[in-house]
């Protein structure tokens, strides 16, 4: 005889996907790519550092997922994504610095 789960029993929760080792931001305007590599954790979530400089993609309780330069100034946020996701959302991000702003696709490189 086969056990049939009760209709009131909660479905098993799938394990969260592991955080990717690398990320790539691809600029909509011209395809420029910025690559980030996993660099430990901050605030209990994965943190990523840009390969060519002191730019970070990380999570904080006040900003949610964002990019920041070395002095802590925020330079990008994801658009239309939950701020408390366990990993950087693979969606469109808007960067801003001085009078410039660009849209990027965040790609999870695995």
C-alpha atoms as a PDB file:
ATOM      1  CA  UNK A   1       0.000   0.000   0.000  1.00  0.00           C
ATOM      2  CA  UNK A   2       1.270   3.481  -0.889  1.00  0.00           C
ATOM      3  CA  UNK A   3       1.219   6.331   1.601  1.00  0.00           C
ATOM      4  CA  UNK A   4      -0.783   9.255   0.303  1.00  0.00           C
ATOM      5  CA  UNK A   5       0.191  12.612   1.772  1.00  0.00           C
ATOM      6  CA  UNK A   6      -2.489  14.487   3.616  1.00  0.00           C
ATOM      7  CA  UNK A   7      -3.896  17.436   1.637  1.00  0.00           C
ATOM      8  CA  UNK A   8      -3.098  19.673   4.592  1.00  0.00           C
ATOM      9  CA  UNK A   9       0.564  18.672   4.742  1.00  0.00           C
ATOM     10  CA  UNK A  10       2.865  21.457   3.502  1.00  0.00           C
ATOM     11  CA  UNK A  11       4.847  20.783   0.345  1.00  0.00           C
ATOM     12  CA  UNK A  12       8.558  20.317   0.914  1.00  0.00           C
ATOM     13  CA  UNK A  13      10.521  23.538   0.537  1.00  0.00           C
ATOM     14  CA  UNK A  14      13.233  23.280  -2.118  1.00  0.00           C
ATOM     15  CA  UNK A  15      16.755  24.066  -0.997  1.00  0.00           C
ATOM     16  CA  UNK A  16      17.936  27.513  -2.084  1.00  0.00           C
ATOM     17  CA  UNK A  17      20.260  27.549  -5.078  1.00  0.00           C
ATOM     18  CA  UNK A  18      23.888  28.128  -4.127  1.00  0.00           C
ATOM     19  CA  UNK A  19      25.224  31.618  -4.703  1.00  0.00           C
ATOM     20  CA  UNK A  20      27.042  31.929  -8.033  1.00  0.00           C
ATOM     21  CA  UNK A  21      30.836  32.244  -8.092  1.00  0.00           C
ATOM     22  CA  UNK A  22      30.749  35.048 -10.662  1.00  0.00           C
ATOM     23  CA  UNK A  23      28.336  37.668 -11.975  1.00  0.00           C
ATOM     24  CA  UNK A  24      28.402  39.829 -15.097  1.00  0.00           C
ATOM     25  CA  UNK A  25      26.657  43.162 -15.542  1.00  0.00           C
ATOM     26  CA  UNK A  26      25.978  43.870 -19.241  1.00  0.00           C
ATOM     27  CA  UNK A  27      25.197  47.475 -20.184  1.00  0.00           C
ATOM     28  CA  UNK A  28      22.149  47.896 -22.443  1.00  0.00           C
ATOM     29  CA  UNK A  29      23.604  50.861 -24.344  1.00  0.00           C
ATOM     30  CA  UNK A  30      26.686  49.187 -25.786  1.00  0.00           C
ATOM     31  CA  UNK A  31      27.137  45.691 -24.312  1.00  0.00           C
ATOM     32  CA  UNK A  32      29.994  46.741 -22.005  1.00  0.00           C
ATOM     33  CA  UNK A  33      30.588  43.982 -19.442  1.00  0.00           C
ATOM     34  CA  UNK A  34      31.643  44.303 -15.821  1.00  0.00           C
ATOM     35  CA  UNK A  35      32.632  41.008 -14.196  1.00  0.00           C
ATOM     36  CA  UNK A  36      32.372  40.376 -10.465  1.00  0.00           C
ATOM     37  CA  UNK A  37      33.794  37.453  -8.470  1.00  0.00           C
ATOM     38  CA  UNK A  38      32.546  36.115  -5.159  1.00  0.00           C
ATOM     39  CA  UNK A  39      34.514  37.696  -2.314  1.00  0.00           C
ATOM     40  CA  UNK A  40      33.127  36.261   0.904  1.00  0.00           C
ATOM     41  CA  UNK A  41      30.003  37.454   2.669  1.00  0.00           C
ATOM     42  CA  UNK A  42      28.634  40.677   4.086  1.00  0.00           C
ATOM     43  CA  UNK A  43      25.621  40.793   6.382  1.00  0.00           C
ATOM     44  CA  UNK A  44      25.171  37.026   6.003  1.00  0.00           C
ATOM     45  CA  UNK A  45      24.838  37.074   2.188  1.00  0.00           C
ATOM     46  CA  UNK A  46      27.302  36.641  -0.664  1.00  0.00           C
ATOM     47  CA  UNK A  47      29.387  39.663  -1.659  1.00  0.00           C
ATOM     48  CA  UNK A  48      31.033  40.221  -5.050  1.00  0.00           C
ATOM     49  CA  UNK A  49      33.937  42.442  -6.076  1.00  0.00           C
ATOM     50  CA  UNK A  50      34.387  43.816  -9.580  1.00  0.00           C
ATOM     51  CA  UNK A  51      37.447  42.336 -11.301  1.00  0.00           C
ATOM     52  CA  UNK A  52      38.873  45.700 -12.374  1.00  0.00           C
ATOM     53  CA  UNK A  53      38.314  47.890  -9.357  1.00  0.00           C
ATOM     54  CA  UNK A  54      36.914  48.666  -5.962  1.00  0.00           C
ATOM     55  CA  UNK A  55      33.229  48.205  -6.795  1.00  0.00           C
ATOM     56  CA  UNK A  56      31.107  45.791  -4.794  1.00  0.00           C
ATOM     57  CA  UNK A  57      27.758  44.059  -5.340  1.00  0.00           C
ATOM     58  CA  UNK A  58      26.345  43.257  -1.921  1.00  0.00           C
ATOM     59  CA  UNK A  59      23.337  43.277   0.379  1.00  0.00           C
ATOM     60  CA  UNK A  60      22.659  45.416   3.430  1.00  0.00           C
ATOM     61  CA  UNK A  61      19.606  45.758   5.679  1.00  0.00           C
ATOM     62  CA  UNK A  62      19.194  49.438   4.732  1.00  0.00           C
ATOM     63  CA  UNK A  63      19.858  49.302   0.957  1.00  0.00           C
ATOM     64  CA  UNK A  64      18.917  45.744   0.023  1.00  0.00           C
ATOM     65  CA  UNK A  65      20.923  44.509  -2.978  1.00  0.00           C
ATOM     66  CA  UNK A  66      23.093  47.244  -4.446  1.00  0.00           C
ATOM     67  CA  UNK A  67      26.477  48.124  -5.891  1.00  0.00           C
ATOM     68  CA  UNK A  68      28.796  50.469  -4.032  1.00  0.00           C
ATOM     69  CA  UNK A  69      32.233  51.916  -4.604  1.00  0.00           C
ATOM     70  CA  UNK A  70      35.061  51.630  -2.084  1.00  0.00           C
ATOM     71  CA  UNK A  71      33.967  54.563   0.088  1.00  0.00           C
ATOM     72  CA  UNK A  72      30.504  53.005   0.502  1.00  0.00           C
ATOM     73  CA  UNK A  73      28.669  55.301  -1.922  1.00  0.00           C
ATOM     74  CA  UNK A  74      25.794  53.385  -3.563  1.00  0.00           C
ATOM     75  CA  UNK A  75      26.019  53.368  -7.372  1.00  0.00           C
ATOM     76  CA  UNK A  76      23.332  50.873  -8.507  1.00  0.00           C
ATOM     77  CA  UNK A  77      20.133  49.083  -7.483  1.00  0.00           C
ATOM     78  CA  UNK A  78      18.053  46.359  -9.134  1.00  0.00           C
ATOM     79  CA  UNK A  79      14.726  47.421 -10.638  1.00  0.00           C
ATOM     80  CA  UNK A  80      11.547  45.533  -9.720  1.00  0.00           C
ATOM     81  CA  UNK A  81      13.189  42.881  -7.555  1.00  0.00           C
ATOM     82  CA  UNK A  82      12.704  41.894  -3.911  1.00  0.00           C
ATOM     83  CA  UNK A  83      15.160  43.746  -1.701  1.00  0.00           C
ATOM     84  CA  UNK A  84      15.609  40.752   0.607  1.00  0.00           C
ATOM     85  CA  UNK A  85      16.456  38.046  -1.951  1.00  0.00           C
ATOM     86  CA  UNK A  86      19.125  35.583  -0.766  1.00  0.00           C
ATOM     87  CA  UNK A  87      21.361  36.389  -3.765  1.00  0.00           C
ATOM     88  CA  UNK A  88      21.701  39.264  -6.248  1.00  0.00           C
ATOM     89  CA  UNK A  89      18.607  39.278  -8.472  1.00  0.00           C
ATOM     90  CA  UNK A  90      19.269  38.443 -12.135  1.00  0.00           C
ATOM     91  CA  UNK A  91      17.236  41.358 -13.465  1.00  0.00           C
ATOM     92  CA  UNK A  92      17.726  44.873 -14.800  1.00  0.00           C
ATOM     93  CA  UNK A  93      19.813  47.171 -12.599  1.00  0.00           C
ATOM     94  CA  UNK A  94      20.115  50.968 -12.848  1.00  0.00           C
ATOM     95  CA  UNK A  95      23.480  52.548 -12.168  1.00  0.00           C
ATOM     96  CA  UNK A  96      23.931  56.188 -11.252  1.00  0.00           C
ATOM     97  CA  UNK A  97      27.038  58.282 -10.716  1.00  0.00           C
ATOM     98  CA  UNK A  98      27.165  62.040 -10.967  1.00  0.00           C
ATOM     99  CA  UNK A  99      24.945  62.992 -13.930  1.00  0.00           C
ATOM    100  CA  UNK A 100      25.089  59.589 -15.680  1.00  0.00           C
ATOM    101  CA  UNK A 101      22.734  56.638 -15.442  1.00  0.00           C
ATOM    102  CA  UNK A 102      22.756  53.312 -17.302  1.00  0.00           C
ATOM    103  CA  UNK A 103      20.703  50.127 -17.380  1.00  0.00           C
ATOM    104  CA  UNK A 104      22.440  46.770 -16.990  1.00  0.00           C
ATOM    105  CA  UNK A 105      21.316  43.148 -17.121  1.00  0.00           C
ATOM    106  CA  UNK A 106      22.757  41.108 -14.272  1.00  0.00           C
ATOM    107  CA  UNK A 107      23.742  37.634 -15.455  1.00  0.00           C
ATOM    108  CA  UNK A 108      24.435  34.821 -13.051  1.00  0.00           C
ATOM    109  CA  UNK A 109      27.510  33.079 -14.466  1.00  0.00           C
ATOM    110  CA  UNK A 110      27.223  30.144 -12.083  1.00  0.00           C
END
